[in-house]
């Protein structure tokens, strides 16, 4: 999924988080997180265009484990609206990418 799709989805998550928590800054952080997660593709572009290795993709920020750890932290250890925004934006981003790109089940593990 591209930046426009991620902006739309993360914006929706951000509005939901902001309204649900009463913390607009948590909503804004969700938007920023959901869009800027793709910064890890800069390493891919380096590998593809500088190193000449176009057959590999490294997406360090696209791991289901981060969402799982965030949800567990929120549920068991520490709740904060900002953390909620980051975790839900990450989950939405990874889910959207996984579905849009039709990846195999363990692709982001």
PDB file of N, CA and C in Angstrom:
ATOM      1  N   UNK A   1       0.854  -1.173   0.000  1.00  0.00           N
ATOM      2  CA  UNK A   1       0.000   0.000   0.000  1.00  0.00           C
ATOM      3  C   UNK A   1       0.896   1.231   0.000  1.00  0.00           C
ATOM      4  N   UNK A   2       0.441   2.255  -0.650  1.00  0.00           N
ATOM      5  CA  UNK A   2       1.238   3.470  -0.775  1.00  0.00           C
ATOM      6  C   UNK A   2       0.939   4.494   0.306  1.00  0.00           C
ATOM      7  N   UNK A   3       1.608   5.635   0.230  1.00  0.00           N
ATOM      8  CA  UNK A   3       1.457   6.662   1.256  1.00  0.00           C
ATOM      9  C   UNK A   3       0.050   7.244   1.351  1.00  0.00           C
ATOM     10  N   UNK A   4      -0.653   7.345   0.239  1.00  0.00           N
ATOM     11  CA  UNK A   4      -2.012   7.897   0.291  1.00  0.00           C
ATOM     12  C   UNK A   4      -2.934   6.958   1.070  1.00  0.00           C
ATOM     13  N   UNK A   5      -2.848   5.677   0.773  1.00  0.00           N
ATOM     14  CA  UNK A   5      -3.668   4.698   1.495  1.00  0.00           C
ATOM     15  C   UNK A   5      -3.339   4.674   2.978  1.00  0.00           C
ATOM     16  N   UNK A   6      -2.049   4.704   3.298  1.00  0.00           N
ATOM     17  CA  UNK A   6      -1.655   4.704   4.705  1.00  0.00           C
ATOM     18  C   UNK A   6      -2.081   5.995   5.407  1.00  0.00           C
ATOM     19  N   UNK A   7      -2.060   7.095   4.695  1.00  0.00           N
ATOM     20  CA  UNK A   7      -2.502   8.357   5.286  1.00  0.00           C
ATOM     21  C   UNK A   7      -3.994   8.301   5.606  1.00  0.00           C
ATOM     22  N   UNK A   8      -4.777   7.774   4.695  1.00  0.00           N
ATOM     23  CA  UNK A   8      -6.216   7.648   4.915  1.00  0.00           C
ATOM     24  C   UNK A   8      -6.515   6.729   6.103  1.00  0.00           C
ATOM     25  N   UNK A   9      -5.914   5.557   6.110  1.00  0.00           N
ATOM     26  CA  UNK A   9      -6.162   4.599   7.193  1.00  0.00           C
ATOM     27  C   UNK A   9      -5.660   5.145   8.528  1.00  0.00           C
ATOM     28  N   UNK A  10      -4.456   5.687   8.539  1.00  0.00           N
ATOM     29  CA  UNK A  10      -3.899   6.217   9.790  1.00  0.00           C
ATOM     30  C   UNK A  10      -4.667   7.432  10.274  1.00  0.00           C
ATOM     31  N   UNK A  11      -5.190   8.220   9.339  1.00  0.00           N
ATOM     32  CA  UNK A  11      -6.037   9.347   9.729  1.00  0.00           C
ATOM     33  C   UNK A  11      -7.300   8.879  10.419  1.00  0.00           C
ATOM     34  N   UNK A  12      -7.900   7.826   9.883  1.00  0.00           N
ATOM     35  CA  UNK A  12      -9.107   7.266  10.512  1.00  0.00           C
ATOM     36  C   UNK A  12      -8.790   6.707  11.892  1.00  0.00           C
ATOM     37  N   UNK A  13      -7.679   6.002  12.005  1.00  0.00           N
ATOM     38  CA  UNK A  13      -7.260   5.490  13.320  1.00  0.00           C
ATOM     39  C   UNK A  13      -7.010   6.657  14.269  1.00  0.00           C
ATOM     40  N   UNK A  14      -6.336   7.682  13.766  1.00  0.00           N
ATOM     41  CA  UNK A  14      -6.035   8.843  14.593  1.00  0.00           C
ATOM     42  C   UNK A  14      -7.279   9.551  15.100  1.00  0.00           C
ATOM     43  N   UNK A  15      -8.261   9.724  14.229  1.00  0.00           N
ATOM     44  CA  UNK A  15      -9.517  10.352  14.662  1.00  0.00           C
ATOM     45  C   UNK A  15     -10.192   9.483  15.724  1.00  0.00           C
ATOM     46  N   UNK A  16     -10.220   8.184  15.482  1.00  0.00           N
ATOM     47  CA  UNK A  16     -10.838   7.282  16.455  1.00  0.00           C
ATOM     48  C   UNK A  16     -10.149   7.317  17.805  1.00  0.00           C
ATOM     49  N   UNK A  17      -8.835   7.279  17.789  1.00  0.00           N
ATOM     50  CA  UNK A  17      -8.071   7.320  19.043  1.00  0.00           C
ATOM     51  C   UNK A  17      -8.258   8.664  19.732  1.00  0.00           C
ATOM     52  N   UNK A  18      -8.188   9.739  18.957  1.00  0.00           N
ATOM     53  CA  UNK A  18      -8.353  11.072  19.546  1.00  0.00           C
ATOM     54  C   UNK A  18      -9.711  11.256  20.195  1.00  0.00           C
ATOM     55  N   UNK A  19     -10.758  10.799  19.522  1.00  0.00           N
ATOM     56  CA  UNK A  19     -12.112  10.928  20.072  1.00  0.00           C
ATOM     57  C   UNK A  19     -12.303  10.002  21.271  1.00  0.00           C
ATOM     58  N   UNK A  20     -11.847   8.758  21.142  1.00  0.00           N
ATOM     59  CA  UNK A  20     -12.058   7.778  22.217  1.00  0.00           C
ATOM     60  C   UNK A  20     -11.309   8.132  23.496  1.00  0.00           C
ATOM     61  N   UNK A  21     -10.124   8.711  23.353  1.00  0.00           N
ATOM     62  CA  UNK A  21      -9.316   9.012  24.539  1.00  0.00           C
ATOM     63  C   UNK A  21      -9.431  10.458  25.003  1.00  0.00           C
ATOM     64  N   UNK A  22      -9.966  11.316  24.152  1.00  0.00           N
ATOM     65  CA  UNK A  22     -10.010  12.739  24.490  1.00  0.00           C
ATOM     66  C   UNK A  22      -8.646  13.392  24.393  1.00  0.00           C
ATOM     67  N   UNK A  23      -7.719  12.722  23.697  1.00  0.00           N
ATOM     68  CA  UNK A  23      -6.358  13.229  23.557  1.00  0.00           C
ATOM     69  C   UNK A  23      -6.047  13.411  22.075  1.00  0.00           C
ATOM     70  N   UNK A  24      -6.257  14.618  21.541  1.00  0.00           N
ATOM     71  CA  UNK A  24      -5.999  14.828  20.112  1.00  0.00           C
ATOM     72  C   UNK A  24      -4.545  14.573  19.723  1.00  0.00           C
ATOM     73  N   UNK A  25      -3.628  14.775  20.668  1.00  0.00           N
ATOM     74  CA  UNK A  25      -2.220  14.511  20.361  1.00  0.00           C
ATOM     75  C   UNK A  25      -1.973  13.019  20.114  1.00  0.00           C
ATOM     76  N   UNK A  26      -2.753  12.155  20.766  1.00  0.00           N
ATOM     77  CA  UNK A  26      -2.644  10.714  20.517  1.00  0.00           C
ATOM     78  C   UNK A  26      -3.120  10.387  19.106  1.00  0.00           C
ATOM     79  N   UNK A  27      -4.157  11.074  18.663  1.00  0.00           N
ATOM     80  CA  UNK A  27      -4.638  10.897  17.297  1.00  0.00           C
ATOM     81  C   UNK A  27      -3.625  11.364  16.272  1.00  0.00           C
ATOM     82  N   UNK A  28      -3.006  12.502  16.545  1.00  0.00           N
ATOM     83  CA  UNK A  28      -1.977  13.021  15.631  1.00  0.00           C
ATOM     84  C   UNK A  28      -0.779  12.082  15.568  1.00  0.00           C
ATOM     85  N   UNK A  29      -0.398  11.536  16.709  1.00  0.00           N
ATOM     86  CA  UNK A  29       0.721  10.598  16.746  1.00  0.00           C
ATOM     87  C   UNK A  29       0.385   9.316  15.989  1.00  0.00           C
ATOM     88  N   UNK A  30      -0.855   8.887  16.046  1.00  0.00           N
ATOM     89  CA  UNK A  30      -1.278   7.712  15.281  1.00  0.00           C
ATOM     90  C   UNK A  30      -1.122   7.973  13.785  1.00  0.00           C
ATOM     91  N   UNK A  31      -1.529   9.133  13.345  1.00  0.00           N
ATOM     92  CA  UNK A  31      -1.393   9.493  11.932  1.00  0.00           C
ATOM     93  C   UNK A  31       0.071   9.482  11.512  1.00  0.00           C
ATOM     94  N   UNK A  32       0.912  10.121  12.284  1.00  0.00           N
ATOM     95  CA  UNK A  32       2.341  10.201  11.960  1.00  0.00           C
ATOM     96  C   UNK A  32       2.973   8.805  11.964  1.00  0.00           C
ATOM     97  N   UNK A  33       2.652   8.015  12.963  1.00  0.00           N
ATOM     98  CA  UNK A  33       3.213   6.662  13.065  1.00  0.00           C
ATOM     99  C   UNK A  33       2.809   5.808  11.876  1.00  0.00           C
ATOM    100  N   UNK A  34       1.537   5.826  11.550  1.00  0.00           N
ATOM    101  CA  UNK A  34       1.041   4.984  10.471  1.00  0.00           C
ATOM    102  C   UNK A  34       1.622   5.321   9.115  1.00  0.00           C
ATOM    103  N   UNK A  35       1.983   6.566   8.910  1.00  0.00           N
ATOM    104  CA  UNK A  35       2.548   6.980   7.620  1.00  0.00           C
ATOM    105  C   UNK A  35       4.068   6.805   7.613  1.00  0.00           C
ATOM    106  N   UNK A  36       4.723   7.219   8.679  1.00  0.00           N
ATOM    107  CA  UNK A  36       6.187   7.195   8.692  1.00  0.00           C
ATOM    108  C   UNK A  36       6.795   5.819   8.939  1.00  0.00           C
ATOM    109  N   UNK A  37       5.975   4.824   9.229  1.00  0.00           N
ATOM    110  CA  UNK A  37       6.504   3.467   9.377  1.00  0.00           C
ATOM    111  C   UNK A  37       7.220   2.995   8.122  1.00  0.00           C
ATOM    112  N   UNK A  38       6.836   3.522   6.984  1.00  0.00           N
ATOM    113  CA  UNK A  38       7.444   3.101   5.724  1.00  0.00           C
ATOM    114  C   UNK A  38       8.846   3.669   5.524  1.00  0.00           C
ATOM    115  N   UNK A  39       9.366   4.382   6.499  1.00  0.00           N
ATOM    116  CA  UNK A  39      10.727   4.908   6.394  1.00  0.00           C
ATOM    117  C   UNK A  39      11.737   3.765   6.285  1.00  0.00           C
ATOM    118  N   UNK A  40      11.361   2.580   6.755  1.00  0.00           N
ATOM    119  CA  UNK A  40      12.275   1.448   6.662  1.00  0.00           C
ATOM    120  C   UNK A  40      12.518   1.016   5.214  1.00  0.00           C
ATOM    121  N   UNK A  41      11.695   1.471   4.284  1.00  0.00           N
ATOM    122  CA  UNK A  41      11.915   1.144   2.874  1.00  0.00           C
ATOM    123  C   UNK A  41      13.123   1.874   2.285  1.00  0.00           C
ATOM    124  N   UNK A  42      13.609   2.896   2.963  1.00  0.00           N
ATOM    125  CA  UNK A  42      14.810   3.589   2.500  1.00  0.00           C
ATOM    126  C   UNK A  42      15.971   2.591   2.406  1.00  0.00           C
ATOM    127  N   UNK A  43      16.051   1.691   3.366  1.00  0.00           N
ATOM    128  CA  UNK A  43      17.092   0.657   3.328  1.00  0.00           C
ATOM    129  C   UNK A  43      16.907  -0.251   2.109  1.00  0.00           C
ATOM    130  N   UNK A  44      15.651  -0.577   1.798  1.00  0.00           N
ATOM    131  CA  UNK A  44      15.379  -1.379   0.600  1.00  0.00           C
ATOM    132  C   UNK A  44      15.871  -0.666  -0.656  1.00  0.00           C
ATOM    133  N   UNK A  45      15.548   0.600  -0.773  1.00  0.00           N
ATOM    134  CA  UNK A  45      15.961   1.353  -1.959  1.00  0.00           C
ATOM    135  C   UNK A  45      17.482   1.391  -2.080  1.00  0.00           C
ATOM    136  N   UNK A  46      18.139   1.524  -0.946  1.00  0.00           N
ATOM    137  CA  UNK A  46      19.601   1.477  -0.949  1.00  0.00           C
ATOM    138  C   UNK A  46      20.087   0.127  -1.470  1.00  0.00           C
ATOM    139  N   UNK A  47      19.497  -0.946  -0.963  1.00  0.00           N
ATOM    140  CA  UNK A  47      19.881  -2.283  -1.410  1.00  0.00           C
ATOM    141  C   UNK A  47      19.613  -2.465  -2.903  1.00  0.00           C
ATOM    142  N   UNK A  48      18.484  -1.974  -3.360  1.00  0.00           N
ATOM    143  CA  UNK A  48      18.091  -2.174  -4.757  1.00  0.00           C
ATOM    144  C   UNK A  48      18.927  -1.345  -5.719  1.00  0.00           C
ATOM    145  N   UNK A  49      19.031  -0.042  -5.433  1.00  0.00           N
ATOM    146  CA  UNK A  49      19.600   0.877  -6.416  1.00  0.00           C
ATOM    147  C   UNK A  49      21.083   1.166  -6.229  1.00  0.00           C
ATOM    148  N   UNK A  50      21.608   1.024  -5.036  1.00  0.00           N
ATOM    149  CA  UNK A  50      23.023   1.280  -4.805  1.00  0.00           C
ATOM    150  C   UNK A  50      23.810  -0.029  -4.819  1.00  0.00           C
ATOM    151  N   UNK A  51      23.310  -1.010  -4.078  1.00  0.00           N
ATOM    152  CA  UNK A  51      24.010  -2.291  -3.992  1.00  0.00           C
ATOM    153  C   UNK A  51      23.663  -3.237  -5.145  1.00  0.00           C
ATOM    154  N   UNK A  52      22.590  -2.962  -5.877  1.00  0.00           N
ATOM    155  CA  UNK A  52      22.197  -3.820  -6.989  1.00  0.00           C
ATOM    156  C   UNK A  52      21.600  -5.144  -6.568  1.00  0.00           C
ATOM    157  N   UNK A  53      20.918  -5.165  -5.433  1.00  0.00           N
ATOM    158  CA  UNK A  53      20.272  -6.384  -4.924  1.00  0.00           C
ATOM    159  C   UNK A  53      18.760  -6.180  -4.880  1.00  0.00           C
ATOM    160  N   UNK A  54      18.089  -6.248  -6.024  1.00  0.00           N
ATOM    161  CA  UNK A  54      16.653  -5.950  -6.059  1.00  0.00           C
ATOM    162  C   UNK A  54      15.745  -7.088  -5.610  1.00  0.00           C
ATOM    163  N   UNK A  55      16.308  -8.213  -5.248  1.00  0.00           N
ATOM    164  CA  UNK A  55      15.483  -9.374  -4.921  1.00  0.00           C
ATOM    165  C   UNK A  55      15.210  -9.543  -3.434  1.00  0.00           C
ATOM    166  N   UNK A  56      15.581  -8.594  -2.620  1.00  0.00           N
ATOM    167  CA  UNK A  56      15.351  -8.709  -1.179  1.00  0.00           C
ATOM    168  C   UNK A  56      14.632  -7.481  -0.652  1.00  0.00           C
ATOM    169  N   UNK A  57      13.806  -7.699   0.355  1.00  0.00           N
ATOM    170  CA  UNK A  57      13.092  -6.604   1.003  1.00  0.00           C
ATOM    171  C   UNK A  57      13.324  -6.723   2.501  1.00  0.00           C
ATOM    172  N   UNK A  58      13.734  -5.623   3.112  1.00  0.00           N
ATOM    173  CA  UNK A  58      13.937  -5.563   4.554  1.00  0.00           C
ATOM    174  C   UNK A  58      12.946  -4.559   5.121  1.00  0.00           C
ATOM    175  N   UNK A  59      12.007  -5.024   5.876  1.00  0.00           N
ATOM    176  CA  UNK A  59      11.015  -4.128   6.470  1.00  0.00           C
ATOM    177  C   UNK A  59      11.054  -4.315   7.990  1.00  0.00           C
ATOM    178  N   UNK A  60      12.027  -3.679   8.584  1.00  0.00           N
ATOM    179  CA  UNK A  60      12.306  -3.849  10.004  1.00  0.00           C
ATOM    180  C   UNK A  60      11.164  -3.391  10.908  1.00  0.00           C
ATOM    181  N   UNK A  61      10.399  -2.419  10.471  1.00  0.00           N
ATOM    182  CA  UNK A  61       9.314  -1.893  11.304  1.00  0.00           C
ATOM    183  C   UNK A  61       7.986  -2.610  11.067  1.00  0.00           C
ATOM    184  N   UNK A  62       7.942  -3.510  10.089  1.00  0.00           N
ATOM    185  CA  UNK A  62       6.704  -4.189   9.723  1.00  0.00           C
ATOM    186  C   UNK A  62       6.646  -5.586  10.357  1.00  0.00           C
ATOM    187  N   UNK A  63       6.602  -5.663  11.639  1.00  0.00           N
ATOM    188  CA  UNK A  63       6.559  -6.957  12.327  1.00  0.00           C
ATOM    189  C   UNK A  63       5.326  -7.024  13.221  1.00  0.00           C
ATOM    190  N   UNK A  64       4.604  -8.125  13.096  1.00  0.00           N
ATOM    191  CA  UNK A  64       3.425  -8.322  13.946  1.00  0.00           C
ATOM    192  C   UNK A  64       3.805  -8.333  15.428  1.00  0.00           C
ATOM    193  N   UNK A  65       5.021  -8.737  15.732  1.00  0.00           N
ATOM    194  CA  UNK A  65       5.450  -8.819  17.129  1.00  0.00           C
ATOM    195  C   UNK A  65       5.399  -7.465  17.829  1.00  0.00           C
ATOM    196  N   UNK A  66       5.668  -6.380  17.109  1.00  0.00           N
ATOM    197  CA  UNK A  66       5.617  -5.053  17.719  1.00  0.00           C
ATOM    198  C   UNK A  66       4.192  -4.718  18.165  1.00  0.00           C
ATOM    199  N   UNK A  67       3.226  -5.038  17.318  1.00  0.00           N
ATOM    200  CA  UNK A  67       1.827  -4.793  17.695  1.00  0.00           C
ATOM    201  C   UNK A  67       1.427  -5.657  18.878  1.00  0.00           C
ATOM    202  N   UNK A  68       1.827  -6.919  18.851  1.00  0.00           N
ATOM    203  CA  UNK A  68       1.487  -7.825  19.957  1.00  0.00           C
ATOM    204  C   UNK A  68       2.108  -7.346  21.266  1.00  0.00           C
ATOM    205  N   UNK A  69       3.365  -6.956  21.215  1.00  0.00           N
ATOM    206  CA  UNK A  69       4.028  -6.445  22.421  1.00  0.00           C
ATOM    207  C   UNK A  69       3.356  -5.163  22.913  1.00  0.00           C
ATOM    208  N   UNK A  70       2.971  -4.309  21.993  1.00  0.00           N
ATOM    209  CA  UNK A  70       2.292  -3.074  22.380  1.00  0.00           C
ATOM    210  C   UNK A  70       0.942  -3.337  23.017  1.00  0.00           C
ATOM    211  N   UNK A  71       0.177  -4.248  22.438  1.00  0.00           N
ATOM    212  CA  UNK A  71      -1.136  -4.576  23.007  1.00  0.00           C
ATOM    213  C   UNK A  71      -0.991  -5.200  24.388  1.00  0.00           C
ATOM    214  N   UNK A  72      -0.017  -6.085  24.553  1.00  0.00           N
ATOM    215  CA  UNK A  72       0.222  -6.677  25.876  1.00  0.00           C
ATOM    216  C   UNK A  72       0.657  -5.621  26.887  1.00  0.00           C
ATOM    217  N   UNK A  73       1.505  -4.717  26.465  1.00  0.00           N
ATOM    218  CA  UNK A  73       1.943  -3.637  27.353  1.00  0.00           C
ATOM    219  C   UNK A  73       0.756  -2.789  27.781  1.00  0.00           C
ATOM    220  N   UNK A  74      -0.085  -2.432  26.819  1.00  0.00           N
ATOM    221  CA  UNK A  74      -1.274  -1.633  27.134  1.00  0.00           C
ATOM    222  C   UNK A  74      -2.205  -2.366  28.095  1.00  0.00           C
ATOM    223  N   UNK A  75      -2.382  -3.648  27.884  1.00  0.00           N
ATOM    224  CA  UNK A  75      -3.336  -4.416  28.685  1.00  0.00           C
ATOM    225  C   UNK A  75      -2.808  -4.782  30.065  1.00  0.00           C
ATOM    226  N   UNK A  76      -1.524  -5.053  30.168  1.00  0.00           N
ATOM    227  CA  UNK A  76      -1.000  -5.613  31.413  1.00  0.00           C
ATOM    228  C   UNK A  76      -0.084  -4.705  32.213  1.00  0.00           C
ATOM    229  N   UNK A  77       0.614  -3.783  31.539  1.00  0.00           N
ATOM    230  CA  UNK A  77       1.645  -3.038  32.241  1.00  0.00           C
ATOM    231  C   UNK A  77       1.407  -1.537  32.342  1.00  0.00           C
ATOM    232  N   UNK A  78       1.022  -0.944  31.228  1.00  0.00           N
ATOM    233  CA  UNK A  78       1.023   0.512  31.187  1.00  0.00           C
ATOM    234  C   UNK A  78       0.070   0.994  30.114  1.00  0.00           C
ATOM    235  N   UNK A  79      -0.867   1.824  30.490  1.00  0.00           N
ATOM    236  CA  UNK A  79      -1.775   2.408  29.511  1.00  0.00           C
ATOM    237  C   UNK A  79      -1.498   3.897  29.395  1.00  0.00           C
ATOM    238  N   UNK A  80      -1.406   4.358  28.178  1.00  0.00           N
ATOM    239  CA  UNK A  80      -1.299   5.786  27.912  1.00  0.00           C
ATOM    240  C   UNK A  80      -1.900   6.034  26.536  1.00  0.00           C
ATOM    241  N   UNK A  81      -2.664   7.108  26.360  1.00  0.00           N
ATOM    242  CA  UNK A  81      -3.271   7.380  25.055  1.00  0.00           C
ATOM    243  C   UNK A  81      -2.260   7.459  23.907  1.00  0.00           C
ATOM    244  N   UNK A  82      -1.083   8.006  24.162  1.00  0.00           N
ATOM    245  CA  UNK A  82      -0.072   8.094  23.102  1.00  0.00           C
ATOM    246  C   UNK A  82       0.389   6.704  22.664  1.00  0.00           C
ATOM    247  N   UNK A  83       0.606   5.839  23.634  1.00  0.00           N
ATOM    248  CA  UNK A  83       0.996   4.471  23.317  1.00  0.00           C
ATOM    249  C   UNK A  83      -0.122   3.754  22.567  1.00  0.00           C
ATOM    250  N   UNK A  84      -1.348   3.983  22.967  1.00  0.00           N
ATOM    251  CA  UNK A  84      -2.484   3.396  22.267  1.00  0.00           C
ATOM    252  C   UNK A  84      -2.509   3.836  20.803  1.00  0.00           C
ATOM    253  N   UNK A  85      -2.279   5.106  20.557  1.00  0.00           N
ATOM    254  CA  UNK A  85      -2.254   5.614  19.186  1.00  0.00           C
ATOM    255  C   UNK A  85      -1.167   4.967  18.353  1.00  0.00           C
ATOM    256  N   UNK A  86       0.015   4.837  18.916  1.00  0.00           N
ATOM    257  CA  UNK A  86       1.133   4.222  18.196  1.00  0.00           C
ATOM    258  C   UNK A  86       0.840   2.754  17.893  1.00  0.00           C
ATOM    259  N   UNK A  87       0.360   2.032  18.883  1.00  0.00           N
ATOM    260  CA  UNK A  87       0.114   0.596  18.713  1.00  0.00           C
ATOM    261  C   UNK A  87      -0.988   0.347  17.682  1.00  0.00           C
ATOM    262  N   UNK A  88      -2.082   1.085  17.776  1.00  0.00           N
ATOM    263  CA  UNK A  88      -3.180   0.870  16.831  1.00  0.00           C
ATOM    264  C   UNK A  88      -2.797   1.296  15.412  1.00  0.00           C
ATOM    265  N   UNK A  89      -2.013   2.358  15.289  1.00  0.00           N
ATOM    266  CA  UNK A  89      -1.549   2.779  13.963  1.00  0.00           C
ATOM    267  C   UNK A  89      -0.613   1.738  13.364  1.00  0.00           C
ATOM    268  N   UNK A  90       0.263   1.190  14.176  1.00  0.00           N
ATOM    269  CA  UNK A  90       1.166   0.135  13.694  1.00  0.00           C
ATOM    270  C   UNK A  90       0.360  -1.077  13.245  1.00  0.00           C
ATOM    271  N   UNK A  91      -0.584  -1.484  14.057  1.00  0.00           N
ATOM    272  CA  UNK A  91      -1.418  -2.642  13.726  1.00  0.00           C
ATOM    273  C   UNK A  91      -2.197  -2.406  12.431  1.00  0.00           C
ATOM    274  N   UNK A  92      -2.752  -1.235  12.274  1.00  0.00           N
ATOM    275  CA  UNK A  92      -3.505  -0.912  11.058  1.00  0.00           C
ATOM    276  C   UNK A  92      -2.587  -0.900   9.834  1.00  0.00           C
ATOM    277  N   UNK A  93      -1.401  -0.356   9.974  1.00  0.00           N
ATOM    278  CA  UNK A  93      -0.452  -0.288   8.866  1.00  0.00           C
ATOM    279  C   UNK A  93      -0.043  -1.690   8.413  1.00  0.00           C
ATOM    280  N   UNK A  94       0.354  -2.514   9.361  1.00  0.00           N
ATOM    281  CA  UNK A  94       0.810  -3.866   9.023  1.00  0.00           C
ATOM    282  C   UNK A  94      -0.340  -4.688   8.444  1.00  0.00           C
ATOM    283  N   UNK A  95      -1.521  -4.550   9.015  1.00  0.00           N
ATOM    284  CA  UNK A  95      -2.675  -5.282   8.496  1.00  0.00           C
ATOM    285  C   UNK A  95      -3.001  -4.853   7.067  1.00  0.00           C
ATOM    286  N   UNK A  96      -3.007  -3.550   6.828  1.00  0.00           N
ATOM    287  CA  UNK A  96      -3.300  -3.043   5.485  1.00  0.00           C
ATOM    288  C   UNK A  96      -2.265  -3.528   4.479  1.00  0.00           C
ATOM    289  N   UNK A  97      -0.994  -3.444   4.840  1.00  0.00           N
ATOM    290  CA  UNK A  97       0.058  -3.918   3.938  1.00  0.00           C
ATOM    291  C   UNK A  97      -0.087  -5.413   3.668  1.00  0.00           C
ATOM    292  N   UNK A  98      -0.331  -6.159   4.718  1.00  0.00           N
ATOM    293  CA  UNK A  98      -0.432  -7.616   4.584  1.00  0.00           C
ATOM    294  C   UNK A  98      -1.570  -7.996   3.637  1.00  0.00           C
ATOM    295  N   UNK A  99      -2.711  -7.363   3.818  1.00  0.00           N
ATOM    296  CA  UNK A  99      -3.859  -7.681   2.971  1.00  0.00           C
ATOM    297  C   UNK A  99      -3.693  -7.133   1.558  1.00  0.00           C
ATOM    298  N   UNK A 100      -3.248  -5.904   1.441  1.00  0.00           N
ATOM    299  CA  UNK A 100      -3.108  -5.261   0.135  1.00  0.00           C
ATOM    300  C   UNK A 100      -2.063  -5.967  -0.734  1.00  0.00           C
ATOM    301  N   UNK A 101      -0.973  -6.388  -0.119  1.00  0.00           N
ATOM    302  CA  UNK A 101       0.108  -7.025  -0.863  1.00  0.00           C
ATOM    303  C   UNK A 101      -0.075  -8.534  -1.003  1.00  0.00           C
ATOM    304  N   UNK A 102      -1.157  -9.056  -0.435  1.00  0.00           N
ATOM    305  CA  UNK A 102      -1.470 -10.492  -0.508  1.00  0.00           C
ATOM    306  C   UNK A 102      -0.274 -11.347  -0.107  1.00  0.00           C
ATOM    307  N   UNK A 103       0.226 -11.059   1.072  1.00  0.00           N
ATOM    308  CA  UNK A 103       1.418 -11.755   1.568  1.00  0.00           C
ATOM    309  C   UNK A 103       1.063 -13.103   2.181  1.00  0.00           C
ATOM    310  N   UNK A 104       2.019 -14.021   2.205  1.00  0.00           N
ATOM    311  CA  UNK A 104       1.784 -15.277   2.905  1.00  0.00           C
ATOM    312  C   UNK A 104       1.622 -15.026   4.414  1.00  0.00           C
ATOM    313  N   UNK A 105       0.975 -15.927   5.126  1.00  0.00           N
ATOM    314  CA  UNK A 105       0.644 -15.682   6.540  1.00  0.00           C
ATOM    315  C   UNK A 105       1.821 -15.278   7.432  1.00  0.00           C
ATOM    316  N   UNK A 106       2.986 -15.820   7.221  1.00  0.00           N
ATOM    317  CA  UNK A 106       4.119 -15.534   8.111  1.00  0.00           C
ATOM    318  C   UNK A 106       5.077 -14.480   7.561  1.00  0.00           C
ATOM    319  N   UNK A 107       4.654 -13.731   6.563  1.00  0.00           N
ATOM    320  CA  UNK A 107       5.551 -12.782   5.899  1.00  0.00           C
ATOM    321  C   UNK A 107       6.100 -11.708   6.842  1.00  0.00           C
ATOM    322  N   UNK A 108       5.312 -11.241   7.765  1.00  0.00           N
ATOM    323  CA  UNK A 108       5.769 -10.166   8.653  1.00  0.00           C
ATOM    324  C   UNK A 108       6.137 -10.663  10.036  1.00  0.00           C
ATOM    325  N   UNK A 109       6.384 -11.943  10.174  1.00  0.00           N
ATOM    326  CA  UNK A 109       6.849 -12.461  11.462  1.00  0.00           C
ATOM    327  C   UNK A 109       8.350 -12.598  11.424  1.00  0.00           C
TER     328      UNK A 109
END
